[in-house]
């Protein structure tokens, strides 16, 4: 009898210890081998929610617009320049403005401008640089002769590349405004964005050459205006000096003013 009581105590103590160390779970429907674990259930719900959110994200990524054409614009075409050439004075100018030909631009510019003669060069040899109106004019002419052919080439290059890039621009535009699923996946749309950025960079570089040309031409134009203003000031100072030396009053009108500057 004592042995039976001792065994029962052992079973009770073992059961209590097992109860204390068990995870929070319980049997379902009175069946001991089917156990419900709330912690595992919560973990499965969390995983299912995460998977559902990921699925919805993927579904949104593959969705596409069906009315893209409302954003589409038209690329303006540049008409080829056609410069009149009545007596051959603009030979090569039309080619220079419509193609990438630096040599043609230089030749066309020389043909269309007045050259500095050898007599003028001999006349300017005795003048001092930095103190000569004529040498400043020569500097402006030489700058213009250097810049202007480059500007002709830049215009021709821009017209040529714009025509060459028309096919690529059109193809990209068609794919960007495609409303089907053929070009609307996330990776495809990112590729289209990269292609558009590359085309935009090329266009900016081409226009950058045009802006350099404009800045160079403005420099020459400003030089011409500056020289003209300086010449006016110098002339006014010389006239004032001559009037101070030569009396222009009526009492001295018989005197001849040999150095008069109008």
C-alpha atoms as a PDB file:
ATOM      1  CA  UNK A   1       0.000   0.000   0.000  1.00  0.00           C
ATOM      2  CA  UNK A   2       2.801   2.418   0.828  1.00  0.00           C
ATOM      3  CA  UNK A   3       4.498   1.565  -2.431  1.00  0.00           C
ATOM      4  CA  UNK A   4       1.332   2.480  -4.382  1.00  0.00           C
ATOM      5  CA  UNK A   5       1.069   5.864  -2.590  1.00  0.00           C
ATOM      6  CA  UNK A   6       4.702   6.631  -3.315  1.00  0.00           C
ATOM      7  CA  UNK A   7       4.186   5.881  -7.011  1.00  0.00           C
ATOM      8  CA  UNK A   8       1.136   8.139  -7.112  1.00  0.00           C
ATOM      9  CA  UNK A   9       3.151  10.963  -5.537  1.00  0.00           C
ATOM     10  CA  UNK A  10       5.813  10.517  -8.139  1.00  0.00           C
ATOM     11  CA  UNK A  11       3.252  10.697 -10.945  1.00  0.00           C
ATOM     12  CA  UNK A  12       1.629  13.809  -9.465  1.00  0.00           C
ATOM     13  CA  UNK A  13       4.949  15.593  -8.981  1.00  0.00           C
ATOM     14  CA  UNK A  14       6.053  14.645 -12.509  1.00  0.00           C
ATOM     15  CA  UNK A  15       2.767  15.897 -13.941  1.00  0.00           C
ATOM     16  CA  UNK A  16       3.116  19.233 -12.165  1.00  0.00           C
ATOM     17  CA  UNK A  17       6.661  19.677 -13.415  1.00  0.00           C
ATOM     18  CA  UNK A  18       5.598  18.820 -16.946  1.00  0.00           C
ATOM     19  CA  UNK A  19       2.744  21.321 -16.717  1.00  0.00           C
ATOM     20  CA  UNK A  20       5.105  24.058 -15.541  1.00  0.00           C
ATOM     21  CA  UNK A  21       7.628  23.509 -18.360  1.00  0.00           C
ATOM     22  CA  UNK A  22       5.139  23.061 -21.244  1.00  0.00           C
ATOM     23  CA  UNK A  23       4.534  25.766 -23.903  1.00  0.00           C
ATOM     24  CA  UNK A  24       1.181  27.565 -23.865  1.00  0.00           C
ATOM     25  CA  UNK A  25      -0.854  25.015 -25.796  1.00  0.00           C
ATOM     26  CA  UNK A  26      -3.907  22.898 -25.189  1.00  0.00           C
ATOM     27  CA  UNK A  27      -5.671  19.902 -26.680  1.00  0.00           C
ATOM     28  CA  UNK A  28      -8.548  20.283 -29.064  1.00  0.00           C
ATOM     29  CA  UNK A  29     -11.809  18.394 -28.800  1.00  0.00           C
ATOM     30  CA  UNK A  30     -10.449  16.371 -25.875  1.00  0.00           C
ATOM     31  CA  UNK A  31      -7.928  14.603 -28.086  1.00  0.00           C
ATOM     32  CA  UNK A  32      -4.536  14.680 -26.476  1.00  0.00           C
ATOM     33  CA  UNK A  33      -2.391  14.350 -29.600  1.00  0.00           C
ATOM     34  CA  UNK A  34      -3.957  17.420 -31.371  1.00  0.00           C
ATOM     35  CA  UNK A  35      -2.503  20.508 -29.715  1.00  0.00           C
ATOM     36  CA  UNK A  36      -3.254  24.189 -30.535  1.00  0.00           C
ATOM     37  CA  UNK A  37      -0.282  26.526 -30.084  1.00  0.00           C
ATOM     38  CA  UNK A  38      -1.322  30.253 -30.039  1.00  0.00           C
ATOM     39  CA  UNK A  39       2.288  31.439 -30.546  1.00  0.00           C
ATOM     40  CA  UNK A  40       2.733  29.396 -33.704  1.00  0.00           C
ATOM     41  CA  UNK A  41      -0.658  30.528 -34.968  1.00  0.00           C
ATOM     42  CA  UNK A  42       0.261  34.202 -34.506  1.00  0.00           C
ATOM     43  CA  UNK A  43       3.536  33.619 -36.374  1.00  0.00           C
ATOM     44  CA  UNK A  44       1.705  31.977 -39.281  1.00  0.00           C
ATOM     45  CA  UNK A  45      -0.771  34.878 -39.452  1.00  0.00           C
ATOM     46  CA  UNK A  46       2.118  37.374 -39.539  1.00  0.00           C
ATOM     47  CA  UNK A  47       3.849  35.458 -42.328  1.00  0.00           C
ATOM     48  CA  UNK A  48       0.621  35.238 -44.311  1.00  0.00           C
ATOM     49  CA  UNK A  49       0.065  38.989 -43.932  1.00  0.00           C
ATOM     50  CA  UNK A  50       3.601  39.728 -45.102  1.00  0.00           C
ATOM     51  CA  UNK A  51       3.191  37.458 -48.124  1.00  0.00           C
ATOM     52  CA  UNK A  52      -0.121  39.125 -48.987  1.00  0.00           C
ATOM     53  CA  UNK A  53       1.454  42.580 -48.811  1.00  0.00           C
ATOM     54  CA  UNK A  54       4.322  41.446 -51.039  1.00  0.00           C
ATOM     55  CA  UNK A  55       1.842  40.022 -53.532  1.00  0.00           C
ATOM     56  CA  UNK A  56      -0.086  43.284 -53.608  1.00  0.00           C
ATOM     57  CA  UNK A  57       3.168  45.203 -54.141  1.00  0.00           C
ATOM     58  CA  UNK A  58       4.116  42.972 -57.073  1.00  0.00           C
ATOM     59  CA  UNK A  59       0.606  43.345 -58.467  1.00  0.00           C
ATOM     60  CA  UNK A  60       0.896  47.139 -58.286  1.00  0.00           C
ATOM     61  CA  UNK A  61       4.334  47.058 -59.937  1.00  0.00           C
ATOM     62  CA  UNK A  62       3.037  45.215 -62.990  1.00  0.00           C
ATOM     63  CA  UNK A  63       0.009  47.466 -63.365  1.00  0.00           C
ATOM     64  CA  UNK A  64       0.282  50.010 -66.191  1.00  0.00           C
ATOM     65  CA  UNK A  65      -1.382  53.145 -67.491  1.00  0.00           C
ATOM     66  CA  UNK A  66      -3.785  52.677 -70.363  1.00  0.00           C
ATOM     67  CA  UNK A  67      -4.080  56.341 -71.452  1.00  0.00           C
ATOM     68  CA  UNK A  68      -0.452  57.445 -71.803  1.00  0.00           C
ATOM     69  CA  UNK A  69      -1.076  59.222 -75.091  1.00  0.00           C
ATOM     70  CA  UNK A  70      -2.468  62.218 -73.226  1.00  0.00           C
ATOM     71  CA  UNK A  71       1.145  63.085 -72.282  1.00  0.00           C
ATOM     72  CA  UNK A  72       2.655  62.706 -75.750  1.00  0.00           C
ATOM     73  CA  UNK A  73       4.253  65.718 -77.441  1.00  0.00           C
ATOM     74  CA  UNK A  74       5.598  66.284 -80.949  1.00  0.00           C
ATOM     75  CA  UNK A  75       9.256  66.876 -81.797  1.00  0.00           C
ATOM     76  CA  UNK A  76       9.607  69.951 -83.992  1.00  0.00           C
ATOM     77  CA  UNK A  77      11.507  69.305 -87.206  1.00  0.00           C
ATOM     78  CA  UNK A  78      14.205  71.669 -88.426  1.00  0.00           C
ATOM     79  CA  UNK A  79      14.059  72.651 -92.067  1.00  0.00           C
ATOM     80  CA  UNK A  80      17.375  72.619 -93.910  1.00  0.00           C
ATOM     81  CA  UNK A  81      18.867  76.065 -94.438  1.00  0.00           C
ATOM     82  CA  UNK A  82      18.949  77.251 -98.053  1.00  0.00           C
ATOM     83  CA  UNK A  83      21.086  80.377 -98.395  1.00  0.00           C
ATOM     84  CA  UNK A  84      20.752  82.429-101.591  1.00  0.00           C
ATOM     85  CA  UNK A  85      23.874  82.474-103.760  1.00  0.00           C
ATOM     86  CA  UNK A  86      23.390  84.949-106.581  1.00  0.00           C
ATOM     87  CA  UNK A  87      27.014  85.557-107.558  1.00  0.00           C
ATOM     88  CA  UNK A  88      28.823  82.842-105.608  1.00  0.00           C
ATOM     89  CA  UNK A  89      29.195  85.046-102.521  1.00  0.00           C
ATOM     90  CA  UNK A  90      27.798  82.313-100.250  1.00  0.00           C
ATOM     91  CA  UNK A  91      29.407  79.248-101.805  1.00  0.00           C
ATOM     92  CA  UNK A  92      29.356  76.387 -99.277  1.00  0.00           C
ATOM     93  CA  UNK A  93      27.225  78.270 -96.756  1.00  0.00           C
ATOM     94  CA  UNK A  94      24.172  76.005 -97.136  1.00  0.00           C
ATOM     95  CA  UNK A  95      26.357  72.899 -96.772  1.00  0.00           C
ATOM     96  CA  UNK A  96      28.032  74.349 -93.678  1.00  0.00           C
ATOM     97  CA  UNK A  97      24.670  75.086 -92.028  1.00  0.00           C
ATOM     98  CA  UNK A  98      23.237  71.635 -92.743  1.00  0.00           C
ATOM     99  CA  UNK A  99      26.166  69.262 -92.213  1.00  0.00           C
ATOM    100  CA  UNK A 100      29.129  68.545 -89.969  1.00  0.00           C
ATOM    101  CA  UNK A 101      31.930  69.975 -92.095  1.00  0.00           C
ATOM    102  CA  UNK A 102      34.447  72.305 -90.370  1.00  0.00           C
ATOM    103  CA  UNK A 103      36.486  72.798 -93.558  1.00  0.00           C
ATOM    104  CA  UNK A 104      33.401  73.843 -95.525  1.00  0.00           C
ATOM    105  CA  UNK A 105      32.449  76.282 -92.755  1.00  0.00           C
ATOM    106  CA  UNK A 106      35.870  77.948 -92.873  1.00  0.00           C
ATOM    107  CA  UNK A 107      35.855  78.232 -96.658  1.00  0.00           C
ATOM    108  CA  UNK A 108      32.301  79.576 -96.761  1.00  0.00           C
ATOM    109  CA  UNK A 109      33.063  82.215 -94.142  1.00  0.00           C
ATOM    110  CA  UNK A 110      36.140  83.464 -95.998  1.00  0.00           C
ATOM    111  CA  UNK A 111      34.164  83.645 -99.229  1.00  0.00           C
ATOM    112  CA  UNK A 112      31.361  85.682 -97.650  1.00  0.00           C
ATOM    113  CA  UNK A 113      33.531  88.236 -95.791  1.00  0.00           C
ATOM    114  CA  UNK A 114      35.837  91.114 -96.755  1.00  0.00           C
ATOM    115  CA  UNK A 115      39.528  90.170 -96.332  1.00  0.00           C
ATOM    116  CA  UNK A 116      42.195  92.407 -94.817  1.00  0.00           C
ATOM    117  CA  UNK A 117      44.403  93.513 -97.700  1.00  0.00           C
ATOM    118  CA  UNK A 118      48.174  93.516 -97.754  1.00  0.00           C
ATOM    119  CA  UNK A 119      48.207  97.323 -97.897  1.00  0.00           C
ATOM    120  CA  UNK A 120      46.263  97.437 -94.637  1.00  0.00           C
ATOM    121  CA  UNK A 121      48.714  95.011 -93.055  1.00  0.00           C
ATOM    122  CA  UNK A 122      51.633  97.266 -94.059  1.00  0.00           C
ATOM    123  CA  UNK A 123      49.828 100.293 -92.656  1.00  0.00           C
ATOM    124  CA  UNK A 124      49.230  98.616 -89.301  1.00  0.00           C
ATOM    125  CA  UNK A 125      52.825  97.419 -88.808  1.00  0.00           C
ATOM    126  CA  UNK A 126      54.003 100.697 -87.329  1.00  0.00           C
ATOM    127  CA  UNK A 127      51.226 100.997 -84.745  1.00  0.00           C
ATOM    128  CA  UNK A 128      51.473 100.096 -81.070  1.00  0.00           C
ATOM    129  CA  UNK A 129      49.403  97.242 -79.676  1.00  0.00           C
ATOM    130  CA  UNK A 130      47.078  98.443 -76.918  1.00  0.00           C
ATOM    131  CA  UNK A 131      47.208 102.036 -78.137  1.00  0.00           C
ATOM    132  CA  UNK A 132      45.798 101.733 -81.623  1.00  0.00           C
ATOM    133  CA  UNK A 133      42.167 101.953 -82.722  1.00  0.00           C
ATOM    134  CA  UNK A 134      42.957 100.157 -85.966  1.00  0.00           C
ATOM    135  CA  UNK A 135      44.718  97.255 -84.244  1.00  0.00           C
ATOM    136  CA  UNK A 136      41.739  96.789 -81.910  1.00  0.00           C
ATOM    137  CA  UNK A 137      39.505  96.592 -84.973  1.00  0.00           C
ATOM    138  CA  UNK A 138      41.876  94.045 -86.481  1.00  0.00           C
ATOM    139  CA  UNK A 139      41.696  91.992 -83.269  1.00  0.00           C
ATOM    140  CA  UNK A 140      37.901  91.990 -83.482  1.00  0.00           C
ATOM    141  CA  UNK A 141      38.021  90.847 -87.104  1.00  0.00           C
ATOM    142  CA  UNK A 142      40.470  88.057 -86.287  1.00  0.00           C
ATOM    143  CA  UNK A 143      38.319  86.867 -83.370  1.00  0.00           C
ATOM    144  CA  UNK A 144      35.240  86.856 -85.576  1.00  0.00           C
ATOM    145  CA  UNK A 145      37.081  84.916 -88.278  1.00  0.00           C
ATOM    146  CA  UNK A 146      37.976  82.260 -85.684  1.00  0.00           C
ATOM    147  CA  UNK A 147      34.604  81.983 -83.937  1.00  0.00           C
ATOM    148  CA  UNK A 148      32.158  82.296 -86.803  1.00  0.00           C
ATOM    149  CA  UNK A 149      33.225  79.164 -88.755  1.00  0.00           C
ATOM    150  CA  UNK A 150      32.941  77.149 -85.538  1.00  0.00           C
ATOM    151  CA  UNK A 151      29.424  78.500 -85.079  1.00  0.00           C
ATOM    152  CA  UNK A 152      28.514  77.486 -88.625  1.00  0.00           C
ATOM    153  CA  UNK A 153      29.809  73.990 -87.873  1.00  0.00           C
ATOM    154  CA  UNK A 154      27.881  73.829 -84.577  1.00  0.00           C
ATOM    155  CA  UNK A 155      24.634  74.706 -86.368  1.00  0.00           C
ATOM    156  CA  UNK A 156      25.322  72.100 -89.045  1.00  0.00           C
ATOM    157  CA  UNK A 157      26.168  69.468 -86.438  1.00  0.00           C
ATOM    158  CA  UNK A 158      22.971  70.147 -84.514  1.00  0.00           C
ATOM    159  CA  UNK A 159      20.820  69.848 -87.624  1.00  0.00           C
ATOM    160  CA  UNK A 160      22.575  66.622 -88.649  1.00  0.00           C
ATOM    161  CA  UNK A 161      22.395  64.902 -85.255  1.00  0.00           C
ATOM    162  CA  UNK A 162      18.787  65.976 -84.750  1.00  0.00           C
ATOM    163  CA  UNK A 163      17.837  64.246 -87.987  1.00  0.00           C
ATOM    164  CA  UNK A 164      19.902  61.170 -87.117  1.00  0.00           C
ATOM    165  CA  UNK A 165      18.351  60.911 -83.644  1.00  0.00           C
ATOM    166  CA  UNK A 166      14.784  61.216 -84.923  1.00  0.00           C
ATOM    167  CA  UNK A 167      14.387  57.425 -85.280  1.00  0.00           C
ATOM    168  CA  UNK A 168      15.671  56.710 -81.771  1.00  0.00           C
ATOM    169  CA  UNK A 169      13.498  59.451 -80.281  1.00  0.00           C
ATOM    170  CA  UNK A 170      10.429  58.130 -82.092  1.00  0.00           C
ATOM    171  CA  UNK A 171      11.064  54.532 -80.959  1.00  0.00           C
ATOM    172  CA  UNK A 172      11.478  55.595 -77.338  1.00  0.00           C
ATOM    173  CA  UNK A 173       8.343  57.717 -77.499  1.00  0.00           C
ATOM    174  CA  UNK A 174       6.284  54.845 -78.885  1.00  0.00           C
ATOM    175  CA  UNK A 175       7.414  52.510 -76.107  1.00  0.00           C
ATOM    176  CA  UNK A 176       6.871  55.123 -73.420  1.00  0.00           C
ATOM    177  CA  UNK A 177       3.297  55.662 -74.550  1.00  0.00           C
ATOM    178  CA  UNK A 178       2.592  51.994 -75.189  1.00  0.00           C
ATOM    179  CA  UNK A 179      -0.525  50.982 -73.223  1.00  0.00           C
ATOM    180  CA  UNK A 180      -0.016  47.219 -73.473  1.00  0.00           C
ATOM    181  CA  UNK A 181       1.718  44.910 -70.999  1.00  0.00           C
ATOM    182  CA  UNK A 182       4.641  44.374 -73.398  1.00  0.00           C
ATOM    183  CA  UNK A 183       6.581  47.375 -72.092  1.00  0.00           C
ATOM    184  CA  UNK A 184       4.974  48.093 -68.747  1.00  0.00           C
ATOM    185  CA  UNK A 185       6.814  45.876 -66.300  1.00  0.00           C
ATOM    186  CA  UNK A 186       8.811  47.615 -63.594  1.00  0.00           C
ATOM    187  CA  UNK A 187      12.202  46.789 -65.121  1.00  0.00           C
ATOM    188  CA  UNK A 188      11.083  47.840 -68.606  1.00  0.00           C
ATOM    189  CA  UNK A 189       9.776  51.159 -67.329  1.00  0.00           C
ATOM    190  CA  UNK A 190      13.047  51.790 -65.484  1.00  0.00           C
ATOM    191  CA  UNK A 191      14.959  51.030 -68.694  1.00  0.00           C
ATOM    192  CA  UNK A 192      12.779  53.511 -70.560  1.00  0.00           C
ATOM    193  CA  UNK A 193      13.508  56.147 -67.931  1.00  0.00           C
ATOM    194  CA  UNK A 194      17.254  55.525 -68.279  1.00  0.00           C
ATOM    195  CA  UNK A 195      17.007  55.756 -72.067  1.00  0.00           C
ATOM    196  CA  UNK A 196      15.080  59.029 -71.811  1.00  0.00           C
ATOM    197  CA  UNK A 197      17.720  60.427 -69.444  1.00  0.00           C
ATOM    198  CA  UNK A 198      20.496  59.422 -71.882  1.00  0.00           C
ATOM    199  CA  UNK A 199      18.693  61.102 -74.793  1.00  0.00           C
ATOM    200  CA  UNK A 200      18.153  64.214 -72.713  1.00  0.00           C
ATOM    201  CA  UNK A 201      21.868  64.326 -71.845  1.00  0.00           C
ATOM    202  CA  UNK A 202      22.815  64.087 -75.528  1.00  0.00           C
ATOM    203  CA  UNK A 203      20.407  66.893 -76.390  1.00  0.00           C
ATOM    204  CA  UNK A 204      21.807  69.084 -73.608  1.00  0.00           C
ATOM    205  CA  UNK A 205      25.365  68.502 -74.838  1.00  0.00           C
ATOM    206  CA  UNK A 206      24.368  69.444 -78.386  1.00  0.00           C
ATOM    207  CA  UNK A 207      22.643  72.580 -77.177  1.00  0.00           C
ATOM    208  CA  UNK A 208      25.679  73.319 -75.022  1.00  0.00           C
ATOM    209  CA  UNK A 209      27.777  73.675 -78.177  1.00  0.00           C
ATOM    210  CA  UNK A 210      25.200  76.123 -79.515  1.00  0.00           C
ATOM    211  CA  UNK A 211      25.312  78.132 -76.291  1.00  0.00           C
ATOM    212  CA  UNK A 212      29.108  78.328 -76.471  1.00  0.00           C
ATOM    213  CA  UNK A 213      28.742  79.672 -79.987  1.00  0.00           C
ATOM    214  CA  UNK A 214      26.247  82.317 -78.855  1.00  0.00           C
ATOM    215  CA  UNK A 215      28.502  83.376 -75.977  1.00  0.00           C
ATOM    216  CA  UNK A 216      31.452  83.685 -78.355  1.00  0.00           C
ATOM    217  CA  UNK A 217      29.467  85.799 -80.809  1.00  0.00           C
ATOM    218  CA  UNK A 218      28.277  88.019 -77.971  1.00  0.00           C
ATOM    219  CA  UNK A 219      31.898  88.533 -76.928  1.00  0.00           C
ATOM    220  CA  UNK A 220      32.813  89.784 -80.391  1.00  0.00           C
ATOM    221  CA  UNK A 221      29.711  92.006 -80.524  1.00  0.00           C
ATOM    222  CA  UNK A 222      30.504  93.445 -77.099  1.00  0.00           C
ATOM    223  CA  UNK A 223      34.067  94.080 -78.227  1.00  0.00           C
ATOM    224  CA  UNK A 224      32.812  96.037 -81.210  1.00  0.00           C
ATOM    225  CA  UNK A 225      30.482  98.145 -79.050  1.00  0.00           C
ATOM    226  CA  UNK A 226      33.198  98.708 -76.494  1.00  0.00           C
ATOM    227  CA  UNK A 227      35.705  99.863 -79.120  1.00  0.00           C
ATOM    228  CA  UNK A 228      33.135 102.216 -80.667  1.00  0.00           C
ATOM    229  CA  UNK A 229      32.353 103.755 -77.272  1.00  0.00           C
ATOM    230  CA  UNK A 230      36.054 104.161 -76.482  1.00  0.00           C
ATOM    231  CA  UNK A 231      36.657 105.770 -79.874  1.00  0.00           C
ATOM    232  CA  UNK A 232      33.863 108.269 -79.257  1.00  0.00           C
ATOM    233  CA  UNK A 233      35.369 109.217 -75.899  1.00  0.00           C
ATOM    234  CA  UNK A 234      38.843 109.602 -77.398  1.00  0.00           C
ATOM    235  CA  UNK A 235      37.486 111.758 -80.214  1.00  0.00           C
ATOM    236  CA  UNK A 236      35.639 114.001 -77.766  1.00  0.00           C
ATOM    237  CA  UNK A 237      38.832 114.472 -75.729  1.00  0.00           C
ATOM    238  CA  UNK A 238      40.879 115.387 -78.825  1.00  0.00           C
ATOM    239  CA  UNK A 239      38.245 117.895 -80.009  1.00  0.00           C
ATOM    240  CA  UNK A 240      38.184 119.529 -76.580  1.00  0.00           C
ATOM    241  CA  UNK A 241      41.962 119.787 -76.600  1.00  0.00           C
ATOM    242  CA  UNK A 242      42.009 121.338 -80.080  1.00  0.00           C
ATOM    243  CA  UNK A 243      39.371 123.882 -79.152  1.00  0.00           C
ATOM    244  CA  UNK A 244      41.403 124.917 -76.152  1.00  0.00           C
ATOM    245  CA  UNK A 245      44.478 125.530 -78.323  1.00  0.00           C
ATOM    246  CA  UNK A 246      42.753 127.032 -81.387  1.00  0.00           C
ATOM    247  CA  UNK A 247      40.413 129.948 -80.726  1.00  0.00           C
ATOM    248  CA  UNK A 248      37.171 129.512 -82.613  1.00  0.00           C
ATOM    249  CA  UNK A 249      35.674 132.906 -81.858  1.00  0.00           C
ATOM    250  CA  UNK A 250      34.488 135.238 -84.655  1.00  0.00           C
ATOM    251  CA  UNK A 251      37.447 137.579 -84.160  1.00  0.00           C
ATOM    252  CA  UNK A 252      39.825 134.814 -85.218  1.00  0.00           C
ATOM    253  CA  UNK A 253      37.775 133.280 -87.992  1.00  0.00           C
ATOM    254  CA  UNK A 254      40.411 134.088 -90.618  1.00  0.00           C
ATOM    255  CA  UNK A 255      42.789 131.569 -89.022  1.00  0.00           C
ATOM    256  CA  UNK A 256      42.828 128.096 -90.570  1.00  0.00           C
ATOM    257  CA  UNK A 257      42.274 125.128 -88.281  1.00  0.00           C
ATOM    258  CA  UNK A 258      44.431 122.445 -89.860  1.00  0.00           C
ATOM    259  CA  UNK A 259      43.850 119.729 -87.246  1.00  0.00           C
ATOM    260  CA  UNK A 260      40.077 119.958 -86.921  1.00  0.00           C
ATOM    261  CA  UNK A 261      38.215 116.736 -86.167  1.00  0.00           C
ATOM    262  CA  UNK A 262      34.458 116.967 -86.849  1.00  0.00           C
END
